[in-house]
PDB file of N, CA and C in Angstrom:
ATOM      1  N   MET A   1     -10.531  -8.478   8.918  1.00  0.00           N
ATOM      2  CA  MET A   1      -9.109  -8.248   8.689  1.00  0.00           C
ATOM      3  C   MET A   1      -8.782  -8.367   7.207  1.00  0.00           C
ATOM      4  N   GLU A   2      -9.436  -9.313   6.553  1.00  0.00           N
ATOM      5  CA  GLU A   2      -9.130  -9.540   5.143  1.00  0.00           C
ATOM      6  C   GLU A   2      -9.473  -8.331   4.280  1.00  0.00           C
ATOM      7  N   SER A   3     -10.556  -7.659   4.595  1.00  0.00           N
ATOM      8  CA  SER A   3     -10.976  -6.498   3.811  1.00  0.00           C
ATOM      9  C   SER A   3      -9.968  -5.360   3.910  1.00  0.00           C
ATOM     10  N   VAL A   4      -9.473  -5.114   5.106  1.00  0.00           N
ATOM     11  CA  VAL A   4      -8.472  -4.063   5.306  1.00  0.00           C
ATOM     12  C   VAL A   4      -7.174  -4.458   4.617  1.00  0.00           C
ATOM     13  N   ALA A   5      -6.796  -5.709   4.732  1.00  0.00           N
ATOM     14  CA  ALA A   5      -5.578  -6.189   4.069  1.00  0.00           C
ATOM     15  C   ALA A   5      -5.704  -6.057   2.553  1.00  0.00           C
ATOM     16  N   ARG A   6      -6.879  -6.362   2.037  1.00  0.00           N
ATOM     17  CA  ARG A   6      -7.098  -6.249   0.586  1.00  0.00           C
ATOM     18  C   ARG A   6      -6.893  -4.805   0.116  1.00  0.00           C
ATOM     19  N   ALA A   7      -7.371  -3.863   0.910  1.00  0.00           N
ATOM     20  CA  ALA A   7      -7.192  -2.453   0.555  1.00  0.00           C
ATOM     21  C   ALA A   7      -5.714  -2.073   0.565  1.00  0.00           C
ATOM     22  N   LEU A   8      -5.008  -2.504   1.601  1.00  0.00           N
ATOM     23  CA  LEU A   8      -3.579  -2.176   1.704  1.00  0.00           C
ATOM     24  C   LEU A   8      -2.748  -2.898   0.648  1.00  0.00           C
ATOM     25  N   ALA A   9      -3.267  -3.998   0.138  1.00  0.00           N
ATOM     26  CA  ALA A   9      -2.556  -4.746  -0.902  1.00  0.00           C
ATOM     27  C   ALA A   9      -2.338  -3.887  -2.141  1.00  0.00           C
ATOM     28  N   ARG A  10      -3.202  -2.925  -2.353  1.00  0.00           N
ATOM     29  CA  ARG A  10      -3.043  -2.010  -3.494  1.00  0.00           C
ATOM     30  C   ARG A  10      -1.670  -1.332  -3.431  1.00  0.00           C
ATOM     31  N   PHE A  11      -1.298  -0.892  -2.238  1.00  0.00           N
ATOM     32  CA  PHE A  11      -0.006  -0.227  -2.075  1.00  0.00           C
ATOM     33  C   PHE A  11       1.146  -1.217  -2.230  1.00  0.00           C
ATOM     34  N   ALA A  12       0.958  -2.435  -1.723  1.00  0.00           N
ATOM     35  CA  ALA A  12       1.999  -3.453  -1.853  1.00  0.00           C
ATOM     36  C   ALA A  12       2.228  -3.801  -3.325  1.00  0.00           C
ATOM     37  N   LYS A  13       1.150  -3.864  -4.103  1.00  0.00           N
ATOM     38  CA  LYS A  13       1.283  -4.161  -5.531  1.00  0.00           C
ATOM     39  C   LYS A  13       2.128  -3.107  -6.241  1.00  0.00           C
ATOM     40  N   GLU A  14       2.014  -1.878  -5.771  1.00  0.00           N
ATOM     41  CA  GLU A  14       2.765  -0.775  -6.385  1.00  0.00           C
ATOM     42  C   GLU A  14       4.136  -0.581  -5.738  1.00  0.00           C
ATOM     43  N   ARG A  15       4.476  -1.486  -4.832  1.00  0.00           N
ATOM     44  CA  ARG A  15       5.735  -1.418  -4.082  1.00  0.00           C
ATOM     45  C   ARG A  15       5.876  -0.129  -3.288  1.00  0.00           C
ATOM     46  N   ALA A  16       4.742   0.357  -2.827  1.00  0.00           N
ATOM     47  CA  ALA A  16       4.690   1.524  -1.943  1.00  0.00           C
ATOM     48  C   ALA A  16       4.334   0.983  -0.560  1.00  0.00           C
ATOM     49  N   TYR A  17       5.347   0.547   0.160  1.00  0.00           N
ATOM     50  CA  TYR A  17       5.133  -0.208   1.389  1.00  0.00           C
ATOM     51  C   TYR A  17       4.964   0.644   2.644  1.00  0.00           C
ATOM     52  N   GLY A  18       4.944   1.940   2.519  1.00  0.00           N
ATOM     53  CA  GLY A  18       4.893   2.828   3.675  1.00  0.00           C
ATOM     54  C   GLY A  18       3.756   2.533   4.635  1.00  0.00           C
ATOM     55  N   TYR A  19       2.535   2.472   4.122  1.00  0.00           N
ATOM     56  CA  TYR A  19       1.394   2.219   5.000  1.00  0.00           C
ATOM     57  C   TYR A  19       1.451   0.823   5.611  1.00  0.00           C
ATOM     58  N   VAL A  20       1.827  -0.148   4.817  1.00  0.00           N
ATOM     59  CA  VAL A  20       1.896  -1.528   5.305  1.00  0.00           C
ATOM     60  C   VAL A  20       2.946  -1.637   6.414  1.00  0.00           C
ATOM     61  N   ASP A  21       4.110  -1.063   6.192  1.00  0.00           N
ATOM     62  CA  ASP A  21       5.173  -1.107   7.196  1.00  0.00           C
ATOM     63  C   ASP A  21       4.778  -0.355   8.466  1.00  0.00           C
ATOM     64  N   ARG A  22       4.183   0.817   8.297  1.00  0.00           N
ATOM     65  CA  ARG A  22       3.788   1.607   9.465  1.00  0.00           C
ATOM     66  C   ARG A  22       2.716   0.885  10.281  1.00  0.00           C
ATOM     67  N   LEU A  23       1.798   0.210   9.600  1.00  0.00           N
ATOM     68  CA  LEU A  23       0.768  -0.532  10.322  1.00  0.00           C
ATOM     69  C   LEU A  23       1.388  -1.714  11.067  1.00  0.00           C
ATOM     70  N   ALA A  24       2.278  -2.410  10.417  1.00  0.00           N
ATOM     71  CA  ALA A  24       2.931  -3.557  11.064  1.00  0.00           C
ATOM     72  C   ALA A  24       3.715  -3.134  12.301  1.00  0.00           C
ATOM     73  N   ASN A  25       4.233  -1.919  12.291  1.00  0.00           N
ATOM     74  CA  ASN A  25       5.050  -1.440  13.408  1.00  0.00           C
ATOM     75  C   ASN A  25       4.292  -0.558  14.385  1.00  0.00           C
ATOM     76  N   ALA A  26       2.986  -0.419  14.203  1.00  0.00           N
ATOM     77  CA  ALA A  26       2.187   0.399  15.115  1.00  0.00           C
ATOM     78  C   ALA A  26       2.105  -0.296  16.479  1.00  0.00           C
ATOM     79  N   TYR A  27       2.405   0.448  17.515  1.00  0.00           N
ATOM     80  CA  TYR A  27       2.413  -0.130  18.856  1.00  0.00           C
ATOM     81  C   TYR A  27       1.155   0.190  19.649  1.00  0.00           C
ATOM     82  N   ASN A  28       0.275   0.999  19.074  1.00  0.00           N
ATOM     83  CA  ASN A  28      -0.968   1.300  19.769  1.00  0.00           C
ATOM     84  C   ASN A  28      -2.074   1.591  18.759  1.00  0.00           C
ATOM     85  N   PRO A  29      -3.307   1.470  19.189  1.00  0.00           N
ATOM     86  CA  PRO A  29      -4.438   1.681  18.278  1.00  0.00           C
ATOM     87  C   PRO A  29      -4.494   3.096  17.701  1.00  0.00           C
ATOM     88  N   SER A  30      -4.002   4.061  18.427  1.00  0.00           N
ATOM     89  CA  SER A  30      -4.009   5.438  17.933  1.00  0.00           C
ATOM     90  C   SER A  30      -3.136   5.581  16.687  1.00  0.00           C
ATOM     91  N   THR A  31      -1.973   4.993  16.723  1.00  0.00           N
ATOM     92  CA  THR A  31      -1.080   5.021  15.563  1.00  0.00           C
ATOM     93  C   THR A  31      -1.693   4.238  14.410  1.00  0.00           C
ATOM     94  N   ALA A  32      -2.274   3.095  14.711  1.00  0.00           N
ATOM     95  CA  ALA A  32      -2.915   2.277  13.672  1.00  0.00           C
ATOM     96  C   ALA A  32      -4.060   3.050  13.032  1.00  0.00           C
ATOM     97  N   ARG A  33      -4.845   3.754  13.838  1.00  0.00           N
ATOM     98  CA  ARG A  33      -5.955   4.547  13.309  1.00  0.00           C
ATOM     99  C   ARG A  33      -5.440   5.631  12.361  1.00  0.00           C
ATOM    100  N   GLN A  34      -4.362   6.286  12.744  1.00  0.00           N
ATOM    101  CA  GLN A  34      -3.787   7.335  11.906  1.00  0.00           C
ATOM    102  C   GLN A  34      -3.304   6.762  10.569  1.00  0.00           C
ATOM    103  N   VAL A  35      -2.608   5.639  10.618  1.00  0.00           N
ATOM    104  CA  VAL A  35      -2.098   5.003   9.401  1.00  0.00           C
ATOM    105  C   VAL A  35      -3.254   4.612   8.483  1.00  0.00           C
ATOM    106  N   LEU A  36      -4.264   3.983   9.043  1.00  0.00           N
ATOM    107  CA  LEU A  36      -5.397   3.548   8.230  1.00  0.00           C
ATOM    108  C   LEU A  36      -6.182   4.730   7.665  1.00  0.00           C
ATOM    109  N   THR A  37      -6.301   5.797   8.436  1.00  0.00           N
ATOM    110  CA  THR A  37      -6.989   6.995   7.942  1.00  0.00           C
ATOM    111  C   THR A  37      -6.261   7.574   6.734  1.00  0.00           C
ATOM    112  N   GLU A  38      -4.949   7.657   6.825  1.00  0.00           N
ATOM    113  CA  GLU A  38      -4.152   8.182   5.704  1.00  0.00           C
ATOM    114  C   GLU A  38      -4.244   7.275   4.482  1.00  0.00           C
ATOM    115  N   ALA A  39      -4.167   5.976   4.704  1.00  0.00           N
ATOM    116  CA  ALA A  39      -4.238   5.023   3.592  1.00  0.00           C
ATOM    117  C   ALA A  39      -5.605   5.094   2.910  1.00  0.00           C
ATOM    118  N   LEU A  40      -6.660   5.153   3.713  1.00  0.00           N
ATOM    119  CA  LEU A  40      -8.002   5.231   3.141  1.00  0.00           C
ATOM    120  C   LEU A  40      -8.210   6.529   2.367  1.00  0.00           C
ATOM    121  N   ARG A  41      -7.638   7.592   2.859  1.00  0.00           N
ATOM    122  CA  ARG A  41      -7.732   8.869   2.147  1.00  0.00           C
ATOM    123  C   ARG A  41      -7.071   8.763   0.776  1.00  0.00           C
ATOM    124  N   ASP A  42      -5.911   8.134   0.718  1.00  0.00           N
ATOM    125  CA  ASP A  42      -5.228   7.950  -0.568  1.00  0.00           C
ATOM    126  C   ASP A  42      -6.028   7.032  -1.500  1.00  0.00           C
ATOM    127  N   LEU A  43      -6.616   5.990  -0.941  1.00  0.00           N
ATOM    128  CA  LEU A  43      -7.426   5.086  -1.758  1.00  0.00           C
ATOM    129  C   LEU A  43      -8.653   5.803  -2.317  1.00  0.00           C
ATOM    130  N   LYS A  44      -9.278   6.638  -1.509  1.00  0.00           N
ATOM    131  CA  LYS A  44     -10.441   7.396  -1.984  1.00  0.00           C
ATOM    132  C   LYS A  44     -10.040   8.374  -3.082  1.00  0.00           C
ATOM    133  N   SER A  45      -8.860   8.958  -2.959  1.00  0.00           N
ATOM    134  CA  SER A  45      -8.375   9.855  -4.012  1.00  0.00           C
ATOM    135  C   SER A  45      -8.180   9.098  -5.316  1.00  0.00           C
ATOM    136  N   LEU A  46      -7.624   7.903  -5.223  1.00  0.00           N
ATOM    137  CA  LEU A  46      -7.452   7.077  -6.419  1.00  0.00           C
ATOM    138  C   LEU A  46      -8.800   6.749  -7.044  1.00  0.00           C
ATOM    139  N   ARG A  47      -9.765   6.395  -6.206  1.00  0.00           N
ATOM    140  CA  ARG A  47     -11.101   6.079  -6.714  1.00  0.00           C
ATOM    141  C   ARG A  47     -11.736   7.312  -7.380  1.00  0.00           C
ATOM    142  N   ASP A  48     -11.547   8.482  -6.775  1.00  0.00           N
ATOM    143  CA  ASP A  48     -12.097   9.714  -7.344  1.00  0.00           C
ATOM    144  C   ASP A  48     -11.489  10.044  -8.698  1.00  0.00           C
ATOM    145  N   ARG A  49     -10.273   9.546  -8.933  1.00  0.00           N
ATOM    146  CA  ARG A  49      -9.619   9.750 -10.231  1.00  0.00           C
ATOM    147  C   ARG A  49      -9.988   8.663 -11.237  1.00  0.00           C
ATOM    148  N   GLY A  50     -10.909   7.800 -10.844  1.00  0.00           N
ATOM    149  CA  GLY A  50     -11.405   6.799 -11.769  1.00  0.00           C
ATOM    150  C   GLY A  50     -10.757   5.441 -11.681  1.00  0.00           C
ATOM    151  N   GLU A  51      -9.861   5.246 -10.743  1.00  0.00           N
ATOM    152  CA  GLU A  51      -9.212   3.942 -10.617  1.00  0.00           C
ATOM    153  C   GLU A  51     -10.102   2.984  -9.825  1.00  0.00           C
ATOM    154  N   ASN A  52      -9.987   1.722 -10.142  1.00  0.00           N
ATOM    155  CA  ASN A  52     -10.756   0.695  -9.461  1.00  0.00           C
ATOM    156  C   ASN A  52      -9.972   0.238  -8.229  1.00  0.00           C
ATOM    157  N   VAL A  53     -10.398   0.670  -7.059  1.00  0.00           N
ATOM    158  CA  VAL A  53      -9.717   0.308  -5.819  1.00  0.00           C
ATOM    159  C   VAL A  53     -10.719  -0.243  -4.812  1.00  0.00           C
ATOM    160  N   TRP A  54     -10.246  -1.123  -3.972  1.00  0.00           N
ATOM    161  CA  TRP A  54     -11.060  -1.684  -2.901  1.00  0.00           C
ATOM    162  C   TRP A  54     -10.961  -0.770  -1.693  1.00  0.00           C
ATOM    163  N   ILE A  55     -12.106  -0.398  -1.151  1.00  0.00           N
ATOM    164  CA  ILE A  55     -12.140   0.401   0.067  1.00  0.00           C
ATOM    165  C   ILE A  55     -13.012  -0.351   1.072  1.00  0.00           C
ATOM    166  N   PRO A  56     -12.433  -0.718   2.218  1.00  0.00           N
ATOM    167  CA  PRO A  56     -13.220  -1.450   3.208  1.00  0.00           C
ATOM    168  C   PRO A  56     -14.275  -0.548   3.843  1.00  0.00           C
ATOM    169  N   LYS A  57     -15.307  -1.177   4.365  1.00  0.00           N
ATOM    170  CA  LYS A  57     -16.356  -0.443   5.072  1.00  0.00           C
ATOM    171  C   LYS A  57     -15.797   0.052   6.402  1.00  0.00           C
ATOM    172  N   ALA A  58     -16.362   1.128   6.897  1.00  0.00           N
ATOM    173  CA  ALA A  58     -15.920   1.699   8.175  1.00  0.00           C
ATOM    174  C   ALA A  58     -15.999   0.672   9.297  1.00  0.00           C
ATOM    175  N   GLU A  59     -17.024  -0.147   9.256  1.00  0.00           N
ATOM    176  CA  GLU A  59     -17.197  -1.169  10.298  1.00  0.00           C
ATOM    177  C   GLU A  59     -16.061  -2.181  10.277  1.00  0.00           C
ATOM    178  N   GLU A  60     -15.583  -2.498   9.089  1.00  0.00           N
ATOM    179  CA  GLU A  60     -14.489  -3.465   8.965  1.00  0.00           C
ATOM    180  C   GLU A  60     -13.183  -2.885   9.523  1.00  0.00           C
ATOM    181  N   VAL A  61     -12.975  -1.615   9.285  1.00  0.00           N
ATOM    182  CA  VAL A  61     -11.781  -0.947   9.828  1.00  0.00           C
ATOM    183  C   VAL A  61     -11.873  -0.896  11.354  1.00  0.00           C
ATOM    184  N   GLU A  62     -13.049  -0.583  11.853  1.00  0.00           N
ATOM    185  CA  GLU A  62     -13.234  -0.505  13.307  1.00  0.00           C
ATOM    186  C   GLU A  62     -12.998  -1.853  13.980  1.00  0.00           C
ATOM    187  N   VAL A  63     -13.397  -2.932  13.326  1.00  0.00           N
ATOM    188  CA  VAL A  63     -13.165  -4.267  13.890  1.00  0.00           C
ATOM    189  C   VAL A  63     -11.663  -4.513  14.040  1.00  0.00           C
ATOM    190  N   VAL A  64     -10.896  -4.164  13.021  1.00  0.00           N
ATOM    191  CA  VAL A  64      -9.439  -4.336  13.090  1.00  0.00           C
ATOM    192  C   VAL A  64      -8.868  -3.501  14.232  1.00  0.00           C
ATOM    193  N   LEU A  65      -9.330  -2.271  14.364  1.00  0.00           N
ATOM    194  CA  LEU A  65      -8.818  -1.410  15.432  1.00  0.00           C
ATOM    195  C   LEU A  65      -9.213  -1.932  16.811  1.00  0.00           C
ATOM    196  N   GLU A  66     -10.422  -2.432  16.935  1.00  0.00           N
ATOM    197  CA  GLU A  66     -10.845  -3.001  18.212  1.00  0.00           C
ATOM    198  C   GLU A  66     -10.027  -4.241  18.563  1.00  0.00           C
ATOM    199  N   LEU A  67      -9.791  -5.077  17.574  1.00  0.00           N
ATOM    200  CA  LEU A  67      -8.965  -6.265  17.815  1.00  0.00           C
ATOM    201  C   LEU A  67      -7.548  -5.872  18.208  1.00  0.00           C
ATOM    202  N   SER A  68      -7.033  -4.808  17.598  1.00  0.00           N
ATOM    203  CA  SER A  68      -5.661  -4.377  17.904  1.00  0.00           C
ATOM    204  C   SER A  68      -5.540  -3.824  19.318  1.00  0.00           C
ATOM    205  N   GLU A  69      -6.645  -3.339  19.870  1.00  0.00           N
ATOM    206  CA  GLU A  69      -6.613  -2.875  21.260  1.00  0.00           C
ATOM    207  C   GLU A  69      -6.362  -4.039  22.206  1.00  0.00           C
ATOM    208  N   ARG A  70      -6.919  -5.191  21.871  1.00  0.00           N
ATOM    209  CA  ARG A  70      -6.734  -6.387  22.700  1.00  0.00           C
ATOM    210  C   ARG A  70      -5.399  -7.067  22.426  1.00  0.00           C
ATOM    211  N   ASP A  71      -4.994  -7.045  21.148  1.00  0.00           N
ATOM    212  CA  ASP A  71      -3.757  -7.739  20.759  1.00  0.00           C
ATOM    213  C   ASP A  71      -3.117  -6.999  19.580  1.00  0.00           C
ATOM    214  N   PRO A  72      -2.126  -6.150  19.845  1.00  0.00           N
ATOM    215  CA  PRO A  72      -1.491  -5.370  18.781  1.00  0.00           C
ATOM    216  C   PRO A  72      -0.859  -6.216  17.675  1.00  0.00           C
ATOM    217  N   SER A  73      -0.581  -7.483  17.929  1.00  0.00           N
ATOM    218  CA  SER A  73       0.025  -8.329  16.896  1.00  0.00           C
ATOM    219  C   SER A  73      -0.938  -8.558  15.728  1.00  0.00           C
ATOM    220  N   ILE A  74      -2.210  -8.270  15.922  1.00  0.00           N
ATOM    221  CA  ILE A  74      -3.198  -8.372  14.843  1.00  0.00           C
ATOM    222  C   ILE A  74      -2.783  -7.473  13.677  1.00  0.00           C
ATOM    223  N   LEU A  75      -2.182  -6.352  13.990  1.00  0.00           N
ATOM    224  CA  LEU A  75      -1.765  -5.410  12.944  1.00  0.00           C
ATOM    225  C   LEU A  75      -0.683  -6.016  12.058  1.00  0.00           C
ATOM    226  N   LYS A  76       0.188  -6.809  12.643  1.00  0.00           N
ATOM    227  CA  LYS A  76       1.216  -7.499  11.849  1.00  0.00           C
ATOM    228  C   LYS A  76       0.576  -8.540  10.928  1.00  0.00           C
ATOM    229  N   VAL A  77      -0.474  -9.173  11.400  1.00  0.00           N
ATOM    230  CA  VAL A  77      -1.182 -10.151  10.574  1.00  0.00           C
ATOM    231  C   VAL A  77      -1.833  -9.461   9.380  1.00  0.00           C
ATOM    232  N   VAL A  78      -2.490  -8.331   9.624  1.00  0.00           N
ATOM    233  CA  VAL A  78      -3.125  -7.572   8.540  1.00  0.00           C
ATOM    234  C   VAL A  78      -2.071  -7.122   7.525  1.00  0.00           C
ATOM    235  N   ALA A  79      -0.943  -6.633   8.014  1.00  0.00           N
ATOM    236  CA  ALA A  79       0.128  -6.187   7.121  1.00  0.00           C
ATOM    237  C   ALA A  79       0.695  -7.360   6.311  1.00  0.00           C
ATOM    238  N   SER A  80       0.861  -8.499   6.951  1.00  0.00           N
ATOM    239  CA  SER A  80       1.370  -9.683   6.256  1.00  0.00           C
ATOM    240  C   SER A  80       0.394 -10.148   5.177  1.00  0.00           C
ATOM    241  N   LEU A  81      -0.885 -10.119   5.492  1.00  0.00           N
ATOM    242  CA  LEU A  81      -1.894 -10.482   4.491  1.00  0.00           C
ATOM    243  C   LEU A  81      -1.845  -9.518   3.309  1.00  0.00           C
ATOM    244  N   ALA A  82      -1.693  -8.241   3.604  1.00  0.00           N
ATOM    245  CA  ALA A  82      -1.621  -7.242   2.524  1.00  0.00           C
ATOM    246  C   ALA A  82      -0.428  -7.518   1.600  1.00  0.00           C
ATOM    247  N   LEU A  83       0.699  -7.839   2.187  1.00  0.00           N
ATOM    248  CA  LEU A  83       1.878  -8.151   1.381  1.00  0.00           C
ATOM    249  C   LEU A  83       1.636  -9.396   0.530  1.00  0.00           C
ATOM    250  N   ALA A  84       1.033 -10.414   1.144  1.00  0.00           N
ATOM    251  CA  ALA A  84       0.761 -11.648   0.405  1.00  0.00           C
ATOM    252  C   ALA A  84      -0.219 -11.404  -0.757  1.00  0.00           C
ATOM    253  N   MET A  85      -1.215 -10.597  -0.510  1.00  0.00           N
ATOM    254  CA  MET A  85      -2.196 -10.299  -1.551  1.00  0.00           C
ATOM    255  C   MET A  85      -1.612  -9.405  -2.647  1.00  0.00           C
ATOM    256  N   GLY A  86      -0.621  -8.628  -2.269  1.00  0.00           N
ATOM    257  CA  GLY A  86      -0.039  -7.685  -3.223  1.00  0.00           C
ATOM    258  C   GLY A  86       0.981  -8.295  -4.156  1.00  0.00           C
ATOM    259  N   TRP A  87       1.363  -9.534  -3.933  1.00  0.00           N
ATOM    260  CA  TRP A  87       2.384 -10.159  -4.782  1.00  0.00           C
ATOM    261  C   TRP A  87       1.791 -10.902  -5.904  1.00  0.00           C
TER     262      TRP A  87
END
C-alpha cells in the first residue's frame, strides 16, 4: 500500500488531487483499477520527460487491488497516505 501511496503523493504535492480523490471514492475494484491505470500512465509520461518519479511495481498495485476486493476501505487508506506523504 505504501508504494502505491508514494506514487500518488506526487499528485498531492502538486495539488492535483483528482486521482487521489477518485481512488478514495472508488466503490469497486474495477473503478480503482481504472484510476490507478490512468495515474500510472501519467507518472510514466513524467518519467519519460526526464522527471524523477516513483512508479510502483505491478505486483504492488495488484496487492492493493486484491485487498480492495475484500475491503474497499483500503482505498481510502491508500489515498490518505498519499495525501500525508504529499504534504
